């Protein structure tokens, strides 16, 4: 998984990186659907990307990374 995205996720939500396993559900990490959407907006603003609307938002950390990572400009740091 993208370590920059994991660090940003950990910092944003105050969750230890050790708890951020790929199969961890966002709900189990204490995020509701609004928090997920706000984080996706934060990613869009920070990286200048457009994340396509999803009929089914990501449910796990791995799904979120799979959604975002291909859209990130190569070589651009996450912090």
Protein backbone atom coordinates (compact mmCIF):
# COMPACT_ATOMS: atom_id res chain seq x y z
CA UNK A 1 0.00 0.00 0.00
CA UNK A 2 1.06 3.57 -0.60
CA UNK A 3 2.96 4.64 2.51
CA UNK A 4 2.32 8.34 1.89
CA UNK A 5 -1.44 7.77 1.80
CA UNK A 6 -1.27 5.63 4.94
CA UNK A 7 0.69 8.34 6.78
CA UNK A 8 -1.80 11.00 5.69
CA UNK A 9 -4.69 8.78 6.76
CA UNK A 10 -3.07 8.16 10.15
CA UNK A 11 -2.40 11.86 10.70
CA UNK A 12 -5.87 12.96 9.57
CA UNK A 13 -7.76 10.54 11.79
CA UNK A 14 -5.28 10.14 14.66
CA UNK A 15 -4.97 6.40 14.13
CA UNK A 16 -1.74 4.51 14.72
CA UNK A 17 -0.17 3.28 11.47
CA UNK A 18 0.14 -0.19 13.02
CA UNK A 19 -3.67 -0.44 13.01
CA UNK A 20 -3.92 0.49 9.35
CA UNK A 21 -3.93 -2.94 7.77
CA UNK A 22 -5.14 -3.38 4.17
CA UNK A 23 -8.18 -5.43 5.15
CA UNK A 24 -9.23 -3.10 7.98
CA UNK A 25 -12.70 -1.78 7.31
CA UNK A 26 -13.07 1.95 7.47
CA UNK A 27 -15.98 1.43 9.86
CA UNK A 28 -13.77 -0.60 12.23
CA UNK A 29 -11.33 2.33 12.22
CA UNK A 30 -14.13 4.60 13.44
CA UNK A 31 -14.96 6.32 10.15
CA UNK A 32 -18.48 6.90 8.99
CA UNK A 33 -19.41 7.57 5.37
CA UNK A 34 -19.14 11.35 5.82
CA UNK A 35 -15.58 11.06 7.16
CA UNK A 36 -14.61 8.92 4.16
CA UNK A 37 -16.05 11.45 1.71
CA UNK A 38 -14.34 14.35 3.49
CA UNK A 39 -11.01 12.49 3.35
CA UNK A 40 -11.45 11.88 -0.39
CA UNK A 41 -12.10 15.62 -0.87
CA UNK A 42 -8.96 16.35 1.16
CA UNK A 43 -6.95 14.06 -1.14
CA UNK A 44 -8.40 15.77 -4.22
CA UNK A 45 -7.47 19.22 -2.90
CA UNK A 46 -4.00 18.22 -1.74
CA UNK A 47 -2.98 16.47 -4.95
CA UNK A 48 -5.06 18.36 -7.50
CA UNK A 49 -6.77 15.20 -8.71
CA UNK A 50 -10.39 14.27 -9.40
CA UNK A 51 -11.61 11.04 -7.80
CA UNK A 52 -14.52 9.61 -9.78
CA UNK A 53 -17.86 9.29 -8.01
CA UNK A 54 -18.44 5.77 -6.77
CA UNK A 55 -21.79 4.03 -6.49
CA UNK A 56 -20.20 2.01 -3.69
CA UNK A 57 -17.66 3.96 -1.65
CA UNK A 58 -14.55 2.11 -0.45
CA UNK A 59 -15.17 -0.19 2.53
CA UNK A 60 -11.60 -1.13 3.41
CA UNK A 61 -8.32 0.71 3.55
CA UNK A 62 -7.02 -1.32 0.59
CA UNK A 63 -10.06 -0.35 -1.51
CA UNK A 64 -9.48 3.32 -0.68
CA UNK A 65 -5.81 3.11 -1.66
CA UNK A 66 -6.71 1.24 -4.89
CA UNK A 67 -9.13 4.04 -5.75
CA UNK A 68 -6.71 6.90 -5.07
CA UNK A 69 -3.23 5.59 -5.92
CA UNK A 70 -3.61 5.34 -9.74
CA UNK A 71 -4.78 8.98 -9.84
CA UNK A 72 -1.78 10.41 -7.99
CA UNK A 73 0.80 12.23 -10.08
CA UNK A 74 3.99 10.20 -10.15
CA UNK A 75 6.76 11.58 -8.03
CA UNK A 76 4.53 13.97 -6.08
CA UNK A 77 4.94 13.60 -2.30
CA UNK A 78 1.84 13.12 -0.17
CA UNK A 79 2.95 15.46 2.60
